[in-house]
Amino acid sequence: MFSYSVCMASLGRIHTFGPYRTMRKAHEVFDIVTKVAPSDATVNIICEEDKNA
């Protein structure tokens, strides 16, 4: 099982949205965050394996 988070780095801070259970949901959030993010922000999808799942 994997979980996905959307991370936005801007102004020296990292904002994390998630985790989400599906890549599809993470992509939906990624699209929204990318639209509203400042032009200098970096937006990434982070995939993590759930060790205790």
PDB file of N, CA and C in Angstrom:
ATOM      1  N   MET A   1       0.850  -1.188   0.000  1.00  0.00           N
ATOM      2  CA  MET A   1       0.000   0.000   0.000  1.00  0.00           C
ATOM      3  C   MET A   1       0.891   1.245   0.000  1.00  0.00           C
ATOM      4  N   PHE A   2       0.498   2.217  -0.773  1.00  0.00           N
ATOM      5  CA  PHE A   2       1.251   3.459  -0.860  1.00  0.00           C
ATOM      6  C   PHE A   2       0.341   4.632  -0.539  1.00  0.00           C
ATOM      7  N   SER A   3       0.922   5.694  -0.033  1.00  0.00           N
ATOM      8  CA  SER A   3       0.175   6.933   0.146  1.00  0.00           C
ATOM      9  C   SER A   3       0.904   8.034  -0.606  1.00  0.00           C
ATOM     10  N   TYR A   4       0.157   9.046  -1.006  1.00  0.00           N
ATOM     11  CA  TYR A   4       0.703  10.129  -1.812  1.00  0.00           C
ATOM     12  C   TYR A   4       0.405  11.452  -1.124  1.00  0.00           C
ATOM     13  N   SER A   5       1.354  12.342  -1.177  1.00  0.00           N
ATOM     14  CA  SER A   5       1.166  13.682  -0.633  1.00  0.00           C
ATOM     15  C   SER A   5       1.579  14.690  -1.686  1.00  0.00           C
ATOM     16  N   VAL A   6       0.959  15.858  -1.634  1.00  0.00           N
ATOM     17  CA  VAL A   6       1.348  16.948  -2.522  1.00  0.00           C
ATOM     18  C   VAL A   6       2.098  17.967  -1.669  1.00  0.00           C
ATOM     19  N   CYS A   7       3.323  18.280  -2.055  1.00  0.00           N
ATOM     20  CA  CYS A   7       4.152  19.223  -1.306  1.00  0.00           C
ATOM     21  C   CYS A   7       4.419  20.463  -2.144  1.00  0.00           C
ATOM     22  N   MET A   8       4.248  21.625  -1.526  1.00  0.00           N
ATOM     23  CA  MET A   8       4.547  22.889  -2.191  1.00  0.00           C
ATOM     24  C   MET A   8       5.610  23.622  -1.384  1.00  0.00           C
ATOM     25  N   ALA A   9       6.728  23.924  -2.014  1.00  0.00           N
ATOM     26  CA  ALA A   9       7.797  24.683  -1.365  1.00  0.00           C
ATOM     27  C   ALA A   9       7.758  26.115  -1.877  1.00  0.00           C
ATOM     28  N   SER A  10       7.566  27.058  -0.944  1.00  0.00           N
ATOM     29  CA  SER A  10       7.495  28.464  -1.307  1.00  0.00           C
ATOM     30  C   SER A  10       7.872  29.309  -0.104  1.00  0.00           C
ATOM     31  N   LEU A  11       8.589  30.388  -0.346  1.00  0.00           N
ATOM     32  CA  LEU A  11       8.984  31.315   0.717  1.00  0.00           C
ATOM     33  C   LEU A  11       9.742  30.615   1.840  1.00  0.00           C
ATOM     34  N   GLY A  12      10.528  29.611   1.486  1.00  0.00           N
ATOM     35  CA  GLY A  12      11.324  28.916   2.483  1.00  0.00           C
ATOM     36  C   GLY A  12      10.550  27.971   3.375  1.00  0.00           C
ATOM     37  N   ARG A  13       9.282  27.745   3.058  1.00  0.00           N
ATOM     38  CA  ARG A  13       8.457  26.828   3.849  1.00  0.00           C
ATOM     39  C   ARG A  13       7.921  25.731   2.954  1.00  0.00           C
ATOM     40  N   ILE A  14       7.618  24.588   3.560  1.00  0.00           N
ATOM     41  CA  ILE A  14       7.018  23.486   2.808  1.00  0.00           C
ATOM     42  C   ILE A  14       5.616  23.240   3.352  1.00  0.00           C
ATOM     43  N   HIS A  15       4.650  23.254   2.464  1.00  0.00           N
ATOM     44  CA  HIS A  15       3.265  22.979   2.819  1.00  0.00           C
ATOM     45  C   HIS A  15       2.926  21.598   2.265  1.00  0.00           C
ATOM     46  N   THR A  16       2.374  20.730   3.106  1.00  0.00           N
ATOM     47  CA  THR A  16       2.038  19.379   2.671  1.00  0.00           C
ATOM     48  C   THR A  16       0.525  19.195   2.688  1.00  0.00           C
ATOM     49  N   PHE A  17       0.003  18.648   1.598  1.00  0.00           N
ATOM     50  CA  PHE A  17      -1.425  18.344   1.478  1.00  0.00           C
ATOM     51  C   PHE A  17      -1.537  16.829   1.348  1.00  0.00           C
ATOM     52  N   GLY A  18      -2.301  16.209   2.213  1.00  0.00           N
ATOM     53  CA  GLY A  18      -2.405  14.755   2.146  1.00  0.00           C
ATOM     54  C   GLY A  18      -2.161  14.151   3.520  1.00  0.00           C
ATOM     55  N   PRO A  19      -1.915  12.873   3.609  1.00  0.00           N
ATOM     56  CA  PRO A  19      -1.729  11.930   2.498  1.00  0.00           C
ATOM     57  C   PRO A  19      -3.043  11.480   1.854  1.00  0.00           C
ATOM     58  N   TYR A  20      -2.928  11.025   0.625  1.00  0.00           N
ATOM     59  CA  TYR A  20      -4.064  10.489  -0.122  1.00  0.00           C
ATOM     60  C   TYR A  20      -3.777   9.041  -0.468  1.00  0.00           C
ATOM     61  N   ARG A  21      -4.815   8.246  -0.514  1.00  0.00           N
ATOM     62  CA  ARG A  21      -4.654   6.815  -0.772  1.00  0.00           C
ATOM     63  C   ARG A  21      -4.440   6.494  -2.250  1.00  0.00           C
ATOM     64  N   THR A  22      -4.895   7.363  -3.126  1.00  0.00           N
ATOM     65  CA  THR A  22      -4.772   7.068  -4.558  1.00  0.00           C
ATOM     66  C   THR A  22      -3.990   8.152  -5.277  1.00  0.00           C
ATOM     67  N   MET A  23      -3.280   7.744  -6.307  1.00  0.00           N
ATOM     68  CA  MET A  23      -2.525   8.684  -7.128  1.00  0.00           C
ATOM     69  C   MET A  23      -3.480   9.629  -7.843  1.00  0.00           C
ATOM     70  N   ARG A  24      -4.668   9.144  -8.188  1.00  0.00           N
ATOM     71  CA  ARG A  24      -5.649   9.984  -8.887  1.00  0.00           C
ATOM     72  C   ARG A  24      -6.057  11.182  -8.034  1.00  0.00           C
ATOM     73  N   LYS A  25      -6.333  10.922  -6.757  1.00  0.00           N
ATOM     74  CA  LYS A  25      -6.705  12.011  -5.841  1.00  0.00           C
ATOM     75  C   LYS A  25      -5.539  12.982  -5.679  1.00  0.00           C
ATOM     76  N   ALA A  26      -4.331  12.446  -5.557  1.00  0.00           N
ATOM     77  CA  ALA A  26      -3.152  13.303  -5.429  1.00  0.00           C
ATOM     78  C   ALA A  26      -2.995  14.185  -6.658  1.00  0.00           C
ATOM     79  N   HIS A  27      -3.278  13.636  -7.842  1.00  0.00           N
ATOM     80  CA  HIS A  27      -3.175  14.424  -9.079  1.00  0.00           C
ATOM     81  C   HIS A  27      -4.216  15.536  -9.112  1.00  0.00           C
ATOM     82  N   GLU A  28      -5.430  15.247  -8.617  1.00  0.00           N
ATOM     83  CA  GLU A  28      -6.469  16.281  -8.567  1.00  0.00           C
ATOM     84  C   GLU A  28      -6.013  17.443  -7.686  1.00  0.00           C
ATOM     85  N   VAL A  29      -5.470  17.111  -6.518  1.00  0.00           N
ATOM     86  CA  VAL A  29      -4.991  18.143  -5.596  1.00  0.00           C
ATOM     87  C   VAL A  29      -3.795  18.867  -6.201  1.00  0.00           C
ATOM     88  N   PHE A  30      -2.894  18.113  -6.842  1.00  0.00           N
ATOM     89  CA  PHE A  30      -1.714  18.690  -7.496  1.00  0.00           C
ATOM     90  C   PHE A  30      -2.130  19.749  -8.516  1.00  0.00           C
ATOM     91  N   ASP A  31      -3.147  19.429  -9.324  1.00  0.00           N
ATOM     92  CA  ASP A  31      -3.620  20.374 -10.342  1.00  0.00           C
ATOM     93  C   ASP A  31      -4.152  21.659  -9.701  1.00  0.00           C
ATOM     94  N   ILE A  32      -4.910  21.510  -8.614  1.00  0.00           N
ATOM     95  CA  ILE A  32      -5.468  22.680  -7.928  1.00  0.00           C
ATOM     96  C   ILE A  32      -4.357  23.516  -7.301  1.00  0.00           C
ATOM     97  N   VAL A  33      -3.437  22.847  -6.595  1.00  0.00           N
ATOM     98  CA  VAL A  33      -2.348  23.564  -5.921  1.00  0.00           C
ATOM     99  C   VAL A  33      -1.467  24.281  -6.941  1.00  0.00           C
ATOM    100  N   THR A  34      -1.211  23.631  -8.064  1.00  0.00           N
ATOM    101  CA  THR A  34      -0.372  24.239  -9.104  1.00  0.00           C
ATOM    102  C   THR A  34      -0.997  25.527  -9.628  1.00  0.00           C
ATOM    103  N   LYS A  35      -2.342  25.537  -9.750  1.00  0.00           N
ATOM    104  CA  LYS A  35      -3.034  26.722 -10.269  1.00  0.00           C
ATOM    105  C   LYS A  35      -2.969  27.899  -9.299  1.00  0.00           C
ATOM    106  N   VAL A  36      -3.026  27.612  -7.997  1.00  0.00           N
ATOM    107  CA  VAL A  36      -3.071  28.696  -7.010  1.00  0.00           C
ATOM    108  C   VAL A  36      -1.706  29.022  -6.408  1.00  0.00           C
ATOM    109  N   ALA A  37      -0.709  28.210  -6.713  1.00  0.00           N
ATOM    110  CA  ALA A  37       0.626  28.411  -6.133  1.00  0.00           C
ATOM    111  C   ALA A  37       1.301  29.643  -6.725  1.00  0.00           C
ATOM    112  N   PRO A  38       2.152  30.292  -5.948  1.00  0.00           N
ATOM    113  CA  PRO A  38       2.944  31.407  -6.488  1.00  0.00           C
ATOM    114  C   PRO A  38       3.839  30.916  -7.626  1.00  0.00           C
ATOM    115  N   SER A  39       4.230  31.825  -8.488  1.00  0.00           N
ATOM    116  CA  SER A  39       5.002  31.432  -9.673  1.00  0.00           C
ATOM    117  C   SER A  39       6.364  30.847  -9.324  1.00  0.00           C
ATOM    118  N   ASP A  40       6.899  31.202  -8.152  1.00  0.00           N
ATOM    119  CA  ASP A  40       8.214  30.684  -7.769  1.00  0.00           C
ATOM    120  C   ASP A  40       8.130  29.406  -6.928  1.00  0.00           C
ATOM    121  N   ALA A  41       6.932  28.897  -6.726  1.00  0.00           N
ATOM    122  CA  ALA A  41       6.766  27.706  -5.892  1.00  0.00           C
ATOM    123  C   ALA A  41       7.089  26.433  -6.664  1.00  0.00           C
ATOM    124  N   THR A  42       7.544  25.427  -5.936  1.00  0.00           N
ATOM    125  CA  THR A  42       7.781  24.107  -6.507  1.00  0.00           C
ATOM    126  C   THR A  42       6.723  23.168  -5.943  1.00  0.00           C
ATOM    127  N   VAL A  43       5.994  22.483  -6.821  1.00  0.00           N
ATOM    128  CA  VAL A  43       4.945  21.568  -6.382  1.00  0.00           C
ATOM    129  C   VAL A  43       5.319  20.155  -6.823  1.00  0.00           C
ATOM    130  N   ASN A  44       5.315  19.231  -5.879  1.00  0.00           N
ATOM    131  CA  ASN A  44       5.690  17.843  -6.163  1.00  0.00           C
ATOM    132  C   ASN A  44       4.680  16.880  -5.566  1.00  0.00           C
ATOM    133  N   ILE A  45       4.595  15.692  -6.175  1.00  0.00           N
ATOM    134  CA  ILE A  45       3.838  14.594  -5.578  1.00  0.00           C
ATOM    135  C   ILE A  45       4.855  13.637  -4.955  1.00  0.00           C
ATOM    136  N   ILE A  46       4.683  13.356  -3.675  1.00  0.00           N
ATOM    137  CA  ILE A  46       5.583  12.472  -2.947  1.00  0.00           C
ATOM    138  C   ILE A  46       4.866  11.144  -2.699  1.00  0.00           C
ATOM    139  N   CYS A  47       5.507  10.052  -3.073  1.00  0.00           N
ATOM    140  CA  CYS A  47       4.941   8.715  -2.864  1.00  0.00           C
ATOM    141  C   CYS A  47       5.700   8.040  -1.729  1.00  0.00           C
ATOM    142  N   GLU A  48       4.956   7.511  -0.758  1.00  0.00           N
ATOM    143  CA  GLU A  48       5.577   6.812   0.359  1.00  0.00           C
ATOM    144  C   GLU A  48       4.909   5.463   0.556  1.00  0.00           C
ATOM    145  N   GLU A  49       5.728   4.458   0.828  1.00  0.00           N
ATOM    146  CA  GLU A  49       5.193   3.132   1.109  1.00  0.00           C
ATOM    147  C   GLU A  49       4.778   3.070   2.567  1.00  0.00           C
ATOM    148  N   ASP A  50       3.569   2.546   2.805  1.00  0.00           N
ATOM    149  CA  ASP A  50       3.089   2.391   4.175  1.00  0.00           C
ATOM    150  C   ASP A  50       3.692   1.126   4.761  1.00  0.00           C
ATOM    151  N   LYS A  51       4.585   1.287   5.704  1.00  0.00           N
ATOM    152  CA  LYS A  51       5.296   0.132   6.273  1.00  0.00           C
ATOM    153  C   LYS A  51       4.382  -0.761   7.113  1.00  0.00           C
ATOM    154  N   ASN A  52       3.392  -0.167   7.763  1.00  0.00           N
ATOM    155  CA  ASN A  52       2.531  -0.941   8.663  1.00  0.00           C
ATOM    156  C   ASN A  52       1.175  -1.275   8.055  1.00  0.00           C
ATOM    157  N   ALA A  53       1.043  -1.125   6.749  1.00  0.00           N
ATOM    158  CA  ALA A  53      -0.244  -1.409   6.097  1.00  0.00           C
ATOM    159  C   ALA A  53      -0.370  -2.897   5.788  1.00  0.00           C
TER     160      ALA A  53
END
